[in-house]
């Protein structure tokens, strides 16, 4: 069944190519299409297109389909082009002529658009909730390890002393910036496009305020052409924000892979969180974080894909937009999985003691030595030159009584202040 069926068949090759794998992908937006159909039916009754009895029947039929989706029993068979044609078929099968009235005053274009907006809106909130869980965990771990020394590196060279508390809380605070962006793009998704039909509105006296209220959108997209033009624009904005979040998570995952290697040996994980080698029995690999890194890089590429698919398309609907749906939905599902597994795994991290007697750390405290000389009365430039000369001559030795003063000064991480910064 096709919503545009006019009594003739198209070539099977053309049908397979144009439908693609919409049937599989549309399962993710099925419940949102039903929510939008319920709101649309309520609106149609409010303007006299449907009577109260017809509305009650449509509500009953749509709610039965919603229950079927919730039970995981909803299937889009091969004879249906997409979720929209499947739902209308089921309504007509249940209710007869009443089911055929549900499409009045709307197009498949605004059907798809509103279902996707609802999907984006809900999933952006779900991502934010999962980010908050990870954020809280990182701050708790930071507090536990706030005084535990971690050698800081610049240019991948030993630089200055830091702490595990700083490392964990640094990524927690970066997540706040990602949530600022999630909130911003949520405003874009929180606009109702239903009623724009094929992009040029409807000659029926529809009341778009009704559907906006029923679907809990904060506002509507007033200009119907703008509503149609928003398809692609929303995806580009959301892909950019998901990519920014994944940049944070991917860099953190890279740190973990690096710090777990024998050359750093700062952290480890329980055996059950790692994998091994088929020929090297000593291997303990951080495959989870390598996959997080790879998946995050893949999601960061999504914005470019969305941009290139939609770049310079003229006004109105084009079938190119169908290609946005699959990878956007897959990205959301992957981001949620990444946040879940990151949260699960990071709670089991094992922080190791650092052996400061290791030769590679002999210059870790040069800056502290300079600062101590400044406190004793030397100018910074003189102190820098003095310590620098000692390093060059190979005579530098840190002051063992003062070398931990830096860690003491950074132990106060402002964790409460960071926690209070997290956006609503």
Protein backbone atom coordinates (compact mmCIF):
# COMPACT_ATOMS: atom_id res chain seq x y z
CA UNK A 1 0.00 0.00 0.00
CA UNK A 2 1.15 3.52 -0.86
CA UNK A 3 -0.44 6.75 0.32
CA UNK A 4 0.01 8.13 -3.20
CA UNK A 5 -1.49 5.06 -4.93
CA UNK A 6 -3.57 6.16 -7.94
CA UNK A 7 -4.40 2.74 -9.32
CA UNK A 8 -1.25 1.85 -11.25
CA UNK A 9 1.89 -0.09 -10.38
CA UNK A 10 5.49 1.06 -10.71
CA UNK A 11 8.43 -1.05 -11.76
CA UNK A 12 9.62 -3.29 -8.91
CA UNK A 13 13.21 -2.07 -9.28
CA UNK A 14 12.05 1.52 -8.92
CA UNK A 15 9.95 0.63 -5.89
CA UNK A 16 12.80 -1.19 -4.15
CA UNK A 17 15.21 1.65 -4.82
CA UNK A 18 12.87 4.44 -3.67
CA UNK A 19 11.61 2.64 -0.57
CA UNK A 20 15.08 1.52 0.51
CA UNK A 21 15.05 0.32 4.11
CA UNK A 22 12.38 2.75 5.30
CA UNK A 23 10.34 -0.11 6.73
CA UNK A 24 13.09 -1.03 9.19
CA UNK A 25 14.02 2.55 10.09
CA UNK A 26 10.40 3.69 10.46
CA UNK A 27 9.89 1.37 13.44
CA UNK A 28 11.78 4.01 15.44
CA UNK A 29 9.25 6.73 14.57
CA UNK A 30 6.06 4.62 14.56
CA UNK A 31 4.86 5.75 17.99
CA UNK A 32 5.50 9.39 17.12
CA UNK A 33 3.48 9.09 13.92
CA UNK A 34 0.60 7.72 16.00
CA UNK A 35 0.94 10.56 18.54
CA UNK A 36 0.79 13.06 15.69
CA UNK A 37 -2.19 11.26 14.14
CA UNK A 38 -4.05 11.42 17.46
CA UNK A 39 -3.40 15.17 17.69
CA UNK A 40 -4.41 15.63 14.06
CA UNK A 41 -7.67 13.74 14.59
CA UNK A 42 -8.51 15.87 17.63
CA UNK A 43 -7.88 18.98 15.55
CA UNK A 44 -10.05 17.67 12.67
CA UNK A 45 -12.91 17.11 15.10
CA UNK A 46 -12.49 20.60 16.53
CA UNK A 47 -13.03 22.16 13.08
CA UNK A 48 -15.92 19.88 12.13
CA UNK A 49 -14.19 17.56 9.64
CA UNK A 50 -14.77 14.62 11.98
CA UNK A 51 -17.69 14.10 14.35
CA UNK A 52 -17.19 13.01 17.96
CA UNK A 53 -18.05 9.38 17.22
CA UNK A 54 -15.47 9.23 14.44
CA UNK A 55 -12.87 10.79 16.71
CA UNK A 56 -13.56 8.24 19.44
CA UNK A 57 -13.13 5.41 16.95
CA UNK A 58 -9.86 6.84 15.63
CA UNK A 59 -8.55 7.34 19.16
CA UNK A 60 -9.39 3.75 20.01
CA UNK A 61 -7.77 2.42 16.85
CA UNK A 62 -4.63 4.50 17.22
CA UNK A 63 -4.23 3.59 20.90
CA UNK A 64 -4.48 -0.11 20.04
CA UNK A 65 -1.66 0.37 17.53
CA UNK A 66 0.35 2.25 20.15
CA UNK A 67 -0.04 -0.66 22.57
CA UNK A 68 1.10 -3.02 19.83
CA UNK A 69 4.22 -0.91 19.31
CA UNK A 70 4.93 -0.87 23.05
CA UNK A 71 4.74 -4.67 23.11
CA UNK A 72 7.18 -4.90 20.18
CA UNK A 73 4.56 -6.55 17.98
CA UNK A 74 4.25 -3.83 15.35
CA UNK A 75 5.68 -4.91 11.98
CA UNK A 76 5.78 -3.08 8.64
CA UNK A 77 5.38 -5.78 6.02
CA UNK A 78 6.83 -5.60 2.51
CA UNK A 79 3.53 -4.59 0.90
CA UNK A 80 3.70 -1.26 2.74
CA UNK A 81 5.91 1.56 1.61
CA UNK A 82 6.49 3.01 5.07
CA UNK A 83 5.06 3.35 8.58
CA UNK A 84 2.53 5.96 7.49
CA UNK A 85 0.88 3.70 4.91
CA UNK A 86 0.91 0.78 7.39
CA UNK A 87 -0.87 2.81 10.09
CA UNK A 88 -3.53 4.12 7.72
CA UNK A 89 -4.11 0.57 6.42
CA UNK A 90 -4.56 -0.77 9.95
CA UNK A 91 -7.00 2.01 10.84
CA UNK A 92 -9.03 1.36 7.70
CA UNK A 93 -8.98 -2.37 8.38
CA UNK A 94 -10.30 -1.78 11.91
CA UNK A 95 -12.68 1.12 11.30
CA UNK A 96 -13.62 1.09 7.63
CA UNK A 97 -14.29 4.48 6.03
CA UNK A 98 -13.42 6.36 9.22
CA UNK A 99 -9.82 5.17 8.91
CA UNK A 100 -9.56 6.74 5.47
CA UNK A 101 -10.34 10.17 6.90
CA UNK A 102 -7.18 10.46 9.02
CA UNK A 103 -5.12 11.84 6.13
CA UNK A 104 -7.44 14.80 5.55
CA UNK A 105 -5.59 18.17 5.55
CA UNK A 106 -2.11 16.70 5.80
CA UNK A 107 0.58 15.30 3.53
CA UNK A 108 3.07 12.52 4.04
CA UNK A 109 5.63 15.35 4.06
CA UNK A 110 4.41 16.96 7.26
CA UNK A 111 3.62 13.51 8.67
CA UNK A 112 7.27 12.49 8.37
CA UNK A 113 8.45 15.91 9.53
CA UNK A 114 6.38 16.01 12.71
CA UNK A 115 7.19 12.38 13.60
CA UNK A 116 10.91 13.12 13.25
CA UNK A 117 10.62 16.34 15.25
CA UNK A 118 8.92 14.42 18.05
CA UNK A 119 11.60 11.71 17.86
CA UNK A 120 14.39 14.30 17.97
CA UNK A 121 12.75 16.22 20.80
CA UNK A 122 12.34 13.17 23.03
CA UNK A 123 15.72 11.67 22.25
CA UNK A 124 17.59 14.91 22.81
CA UNK A 125 16.10 14.94 26.30
CA UNK A 126 17.04 11.28 26.80
CA UNK A 127 20.63 12.01 25.72
CA UNK A 128 20.75 14.94 28.16
CA UNK A 129 19.53 12.70 30.99
CA UNK A 130 22.24 10.15 30.22
CA UNK A 131 24.87 12.90 30.04
CA UNK A 132 23.77 14.07 33.50
CA UNK A 133 24.24 10.55 34.87
CA UNK A 134 27.77 10.37 33.48
CA UNK A 135 28.47 13.91 34.72
CA UNK A 136 27.46 12.99 38.28
CA UNK A 137 29.56 9.82 38.21
CA UNK A 138 32.65 11.71 36.99
CA UNK A 139 32.35 14.30 39.76
CA UNK A 140 31.98 11.56 42.37
CA UNK A 141 35.10 9.78 41.05
CA UNK A 142 36.92 13.13 40.89
CA UNK A 143 36.16 13.70 44.56
CA UNK A 144 37.44 10.24 45.45
CA UNK A 145 40.74 10.84 43.62
CA UNK A 146 41.14 14.60 44.03
CA UNK A 147 44.51 14.30 45.80
CA UNK A 148 45.89 11.42 43.71
CA UNK A 149 48.83 12.55 41.57
CA UNK A 150 48.60 12.23 37.80
CA UNK A 151 51.56 13.40 35.69
CA UNK A 152 50.42 16.08 33.27
CA UNK A 153 51.67 15.96 29.69
CA UNK A 154 52.03 18.58 26.94
CA UNK A 155 53.19 17.61 23.45
CA UNK A 156 53.10 14.05 24.87
CA UNK A 157 56.10 15.03 27.03
CA UNK A 158 56.11 14.95 30.83
CA UNK A 159 55.12 18.46 31.88
CA UNK A 160 53.70 19.26 35.35
CA UNK A 161 51.96 17.43 38.17
CA UNK A 162 48.21 17.19 37.96
CA UNK A 163 45.66 14.98 39.69
CA UNK A 164 43.16 12.32 38.76
CA UNK A 165 40.54 14.55 40.34
CA UNK A 166 41.33 17.29 37.83
CA UNK A 167 41.22 14.82 34.94
CA UNK A 168 37.82 13.37 35.81
CA UNK A 169 36.24 16.71 36.66
CA UNK A 170 37.66 18.32 33.51
CA UNK A 171 35.60 16.03 31.32
CA UNK A 172 32.60 16.51 33.59
CA UNK A 173 32.78 20.28 33.08
CA UNK A 174 33.21 19.86 29.32
CA UNK A 175 29.92 17.94 29.32
CA UNK A 176 28.23 21.10 30.60
CA UNK A 177 29.19 22.88 27.37
CA UNK A 178 27.74 19.98 25.40
CA UNK A 179 24.46 20.29 27.34
CA UNK A 180 24.31 24.02 26.56
CA UNK A 181 24.32 22.99 22.90
CA UNK A 182 21.80 20.17 23.47
CA UNK A 183 19.46 22.72 25.05
CA UNK A 184 19.91 25.09 22.13
CA UNK A 185 19.16 22.48 19.48
CA UNK A 186 16.20 21.22 21.52
CA UNK A 187 14.57 24.60 20.89
CA UNK A 188 14.89 23.96 17.17
CA UNK A 189 13.26 20.54 17.51
CA UNK A 190 10.51 21.94 19.75
CA UNK A 191 8.54 23.57 16.91
CA UNK A 192 5.40 22.03 15.41
CA UNK A 193 5.48 21.62 11.59
CA UNK A 194 2.17 19.71 11.39
CA UNK A 195 -0.29 21.54 9.17
CA UNK A 196 2.29 22.59 6.62
CA UNK A 197 1.09 19.65 4.47
CA UNK A 198 3.23 19.39 1.33
CA UNK A 199 4.93 22.62 2.28
CA UNK A 200 2.25 25.07 1.19
CA UNK A 201 -0.40 24.62 3.85
CA UNK A 202 -3.99 23.41 3.50
CA UNK A 203 -7.17 25.01 2.20
CA UNK A 204 -9.05 23.40 5.10
CA UNK A 205 -9.59 25.74 8.10
CA UNK A 206 -7.11 23.81 10.25
CA UNK A 207 -6.18 24.97 13.74
CA UNK A 208 -2.46 24.41 14.19
CA UNK A 209 -2.55 25.71 17.75
CA UNK A 210 -4.57 22.62 18.70
CA UNK A 211 -1.94 20.17 17.44
CA UNK A 212 0.84 22.28 18.95
CA UNK A 213 -0.79 22.00 22.36
CA UNK A 214 -1.71 18.31 21.98
CA UNK A 215 1.86 17.38 21.00
CA UNK A 216 3.41 19.54 23.73
CA UNK A 217 5.49 21.62 21.33
CA UNK A 218 6.58 24.95 22.79
CA UNK A 219 5.64 26.76 19.58
CA UNK A 220 4.81 26.05 15.96
CA UNK A 221 6.63 26.74 12.75
CA UNK A 222 4.28 29.49 11.58
CA UNK A 223 5.36 29.81 7.98
CA UNK A 224 4.44 26.58 6.19
CA UNK A 225 7.27 26.97 3.66
CA UNK A 226 9.71 27.48 6.54
CA UNK A 227 8.37 24.27 8.10
CA UNK A 228 9.25 22.34 4.96
CA UNK A 229 12.61 24.10 4.66
CA UNK A 230 13.42 23.08 8.23
CA UNK A 231 13.85 19.50 7.08
CA UNK A 232 17.58 19.14 6.70
CA UNK A 233 18.27 22.28 8.72
CA UNK A 234 17.16 20.54 11.92
CA UNK A 235 19.26 17.50 11.06
CA UNK A 236 22.37 19.59 10.40
CA UNK A 237 22.01 21.39 13.73
CA UNK A 238 21.37 18.20 15.71
CA UNK A 239 24.21 16.32 13.98
CA UNK A 240 26.60 19.13 14.87
CA UNK A 241 25.60 19.00 18.55
CA UNK A 242 25.78 15.20 18.76
CA UNK A 243 29.19 15.46 17.12
CA UNK A 244 30.33 17.96 19.75
CA UNK A 245 29.27 15.64 22.54
CA UNK A 246 31.04 12.75 20.83
CA UNK A 247 34.19 14.86 20.52
CA UNK A 248 34.23 15.12 24.33
CA UNK A 249 33.54 11.41 24.82
CA UNK A 250 35.98 10.35 22.10
CA UNK A 251 38.84 12.37 23.57
CA UNK A 252 38.14 10.97 27.01
CA UNK A 253 38.13 7.45 25.57
CA UNK A 254 41.49 8.16 23.90
CA UNK A 255 42.95 9.31 27.23
CA UNK A 256 41.77 6.09 28.81
CA UNK A 257 43.34 3.94 26.07
CA UNK A 258 46.61 5.89 26.40
CA UNK A 259 46.72 5.83 30.20
CA UNK A 260 45.97 2.12 30.26
CA UNK A 261 48.95 1.27 28.06
CA UNK A 262 52.09 -0.11 29.73
CA UNK A 263 54.13 2.99 28.81
CA UNK A 264 51.83 5.15 30.95
CA UNK A 265 50.30 2.57 33.31
CA UNK A 266 48.14 5.08 35.18
CA UNK A 267 44.88 3.11 35.24
CA UNK A 268 43.39 -0.30 34.63
CA UNK A 269 39.99 -2.03 34.67
CA UNK A 270 38.73 -5.36 36.02
CA UNK A 271 39.44 -8.27 33.73
CA UNK A 272 35.76 -8.68 32.85
CA UNK A 273 35.71 -5.23 31.20
CA UNK A 274 38.62 -5.99 28.87
CA UNK A 275 39.36 -8.38 26.02
CA UNK A 276 42.38 -10.47 25.04
CA UNK A 277 44.40 -11.55 22.05
CA UNK A 278 43.99 -14.81 20.15
CA UNK A 279 47.78 -15.37 20.13
CA UNK A 280 49.22 -13.15 22.92
CA UNK A 281 48.04 -14.42 26.29
CA UNK A 282 49.28 -11.38 28.21
CA UNK A 283 47.04 -8.87 26.42
CA UNK A 284 44.38 -6.89 28.30
CA UNK A 285 42.79 -4.64 25.73
CA UNK A 286 40.49 -1.61 26.25
CA UNK A 287 38.25 -2.58 23.34
CA UNK A 288 35.20 -0.84 24.85
CA UNK A 289 36.94 2.53 24.79
CA UNK A 290 38.47 1.92 21.37
CA UNK A 291 35.00 1.25 20.00
CA UNK A 292 33.65 4.33 21.78
CA UNK A 293 36.43 6.35 20.13
CA UNK A 294 35.63 4.92 16.70
CA UNK A 295 31.87 5.35 17.04
CA UNK A 296 32.34 8.92 18.27
CA UNK A 297 34.49 9.73 15.25
CA UNK A 298 31.85 8.26 12.97
CA UNK A 299 29.11 10.38 14.56
CA UNK A 300 31.27 13.51 14.22
CA UNK A 301 31.22 12.90 10.46
CA UNK A 302 27.41 12.94 10.41
CA UNK A 303 27.15 16.74 10.17
CA UNK A 304 29.14 16.73 6.94
CA UNK A 305 26.85 14.03 5.52
CA UNK A 306 23.71 16.00 6.43
CA UNK A 307 25.24 19.16 4.95
CA UNK A 308 26.18 17.56 1.65
CA UNK A 309 22.81 15.83 1.17
CA UNK A 310 20.84 19.03 1.69
CA UNK A 311 23.25 21.71 0.49
CA UNK A 312 21.72 24.08 -2.10
CA UNK A 313 18.44 22.20 -2.47
CA UNK A 314 15.72 24.61 -3.67
CA UNK A 315 12.50 25.29 -1.75
CA UNK A 316 9.96 22.53 -1.43
CA UNK A 317 10.19 18.82 -0.76
CA UNK A 318 12.75 16.58 -2.48
CA UNK A 319 13.19 12.83 -2.09
CA UNK A 320 16.81 13.46 -1.03
CA UNK A 321 15.39 14.17 2.44
CA UNK A 322 14.55 10.50 2.84
CA UNK A 323 18.30 9.85 3.12
CA UNK A 324 18.59 11.96 6.29
CA UNK A 325 16.46 9.71 8.43
CA UNK A 326 18.47 6.49 8.75
CA UNK A 327 21.82 7.84 9.90
CA UNK A 328 20.25 10.46 12.17
CA UNK A 329 18.27 7.78 13.98
CA UNK A 330 21.28 5.44 14.09
CA UNK A 331 23.38 8.26 15.55
CA UNK A 332 20.91 8.85 18.36
CA UNK A 333 20.78 5.15 19.18
CA UNK A 334 24.59 4.93 19.13
CA UNK A 335 25.05 8.03 21.33
CA UNK A 336 22.68 6.59 23.93
CA UNK A 337 24.53 3.25 23.87
CA UNK A 338 27.90 5.03 24.16
CA UNK A 339 26.76 7.03 27.19
CA UNK A 340 25.36 3.91 28.86
CA UNK A 341 28.52 1.84 28.38
CA UNK A 342 30.80 4.74 29.31
CA UNK A 343 28.86 5.29 32.52
CA UNK A 344 28.92 1.58 33.34
CA UNK A 345 32.63 1.15 32.62
CA UNK A 346 34.11 4.32 34.13
CA UNK A 347 32.63 3.50 37.52
CA UNK A 348 34.91 0.43 37.61
CA UNK A 349 38.15 2.25 36.76
CA UNK A 350 41.15 1.36 38.93
CA UNK A 351 43.51 4.29 39.58
CA UNK A 352 47.10 3.23 40.13
CA UNK A 353 49.83 4.77 42.29
CA UNK A 354 52.45 6.64 40.28
CA UNK A 355 56.09 5.87 41.06
CA UNK A 356 57.69 9.32 41.16
CA UNK A 357 61.13 7.72 41.42
CA UNK A 358 60.81 6.62 37.81
CA UNK A 359 63.50 8.39 35.77
CA UNK A 360 61.00 9.84 33.31
CA UNK A 361 59.40 11.94 36.05
CA UNK A 362 62.60 13.60 37.29
CA UNK A 363 61.61 16.98 35.79
CA UNK A 364 57.92 16.82 36.75
CA UNK A 365 58.36 19.41 39.50
CA UNK A 366 60.56 22.01 37.76
CA UNK A 367 57.76 24.59 37.74
CA UNK A 368 57.19 24.05 41.46
CA UNK A 369 60.91 24.53 42.02
CA UNK A 370 60.77 27.84 40.12
CA UNK A 371 57.74 28.95 42.11
CA UNK A 372 59.44 28.05 45.39
CA UNK A 373 62.42 30.21 44.44
CA UNK A 374 60.06 33.07 43.61
CA UNK A 375 58.45 32.72 47.03
CA UNK A 376 61.97 32.88 48.53
CA UNK A 377 62.58 36.22 46.82
CA UNK A 378 63.96 35.63 43.31
CA UNK A 379 62.26 37.15 40.27
CA UNK A 380 60.46 34.66 38.07
CA UNK A 381 62.97 35.18 35.23
CA UNK A 382 65.95 34.56 37.48
CA UNK A 383 64.30 31.51 39.00
CA UNK A 384 63.42 30.13 35.56
CA UNK A 385 67.00 30.58 34.34
CA UNK A 386 68.45 29.01 37.47
CA UNK A 387 66.32 25.88 37.26
CA UNK A 388 66.77 25.76 33.48
CA UNK A 389 70.54 25.77 33.92
CA UNK A 390 70.29 22.92 36.41
CA UNK A 391 68.21 20.90 33.95
CA UNK A 392 70.72 21.49 31.16
CA UNK A 393 73.63 20.55 33.42
CA UNK A 394 71.86 17.46 34.69
CA UNK A 395 72.09 18.67 38.29
CA UNK A 396 68.42 19.44 38.92
CA UNK A 397 66.80 17.81 41.92
CA UNK A 398 63.31 18.66 43.17
CA UNK A 399 62.82 19.81 46.74
CA UNK A 400 61.41 16.65 48.30
CA UNK A 401 59.78 18.65 51.07
CA UNK A 402 57.88 20.90 48.69
CA UNK A 403 57.30 18.80 45.59
CA UNK A 404 53.73 17.89 46.61
CA UNK A 405 52.68 21.47 47.32
CA UNK A 406 51.26 21.78 43.83
CA UNK A 407 48.91 18.85 44.31
CA UNK A 408 47.70 20.34 47.57
CA UNK A 409 46.88 23.61 45.84
CA UNK A 410 44.85 21.95 43.07
CA UNK A 411 43.08 19.53 45.37
CA UNK A 412 40.24 22.03 45.76
CA UNK A 413 38.54 21.34 42.44
CA UNK A 414 35.40 23.40 42.93
CA UNK A 415 33.31 20.26 42.47
CA UNK A 416 30.23 21.81 44.07
CA UNK A 417 30.52 24.83 41.79
CA UNK A 418 30.86 22.58 38.73
CA UNK A 419 27.89 20.50 39.85
CA UNK A 420 25.76 23.64 40.24
CA UNK A 421 26.66 24.78 36.73
CA UNK A 422 24.86 21.89 35.06
CA UNK A 423 22.03 23.42 32.96
CA UNK A 424 18.37 22.73 33.58
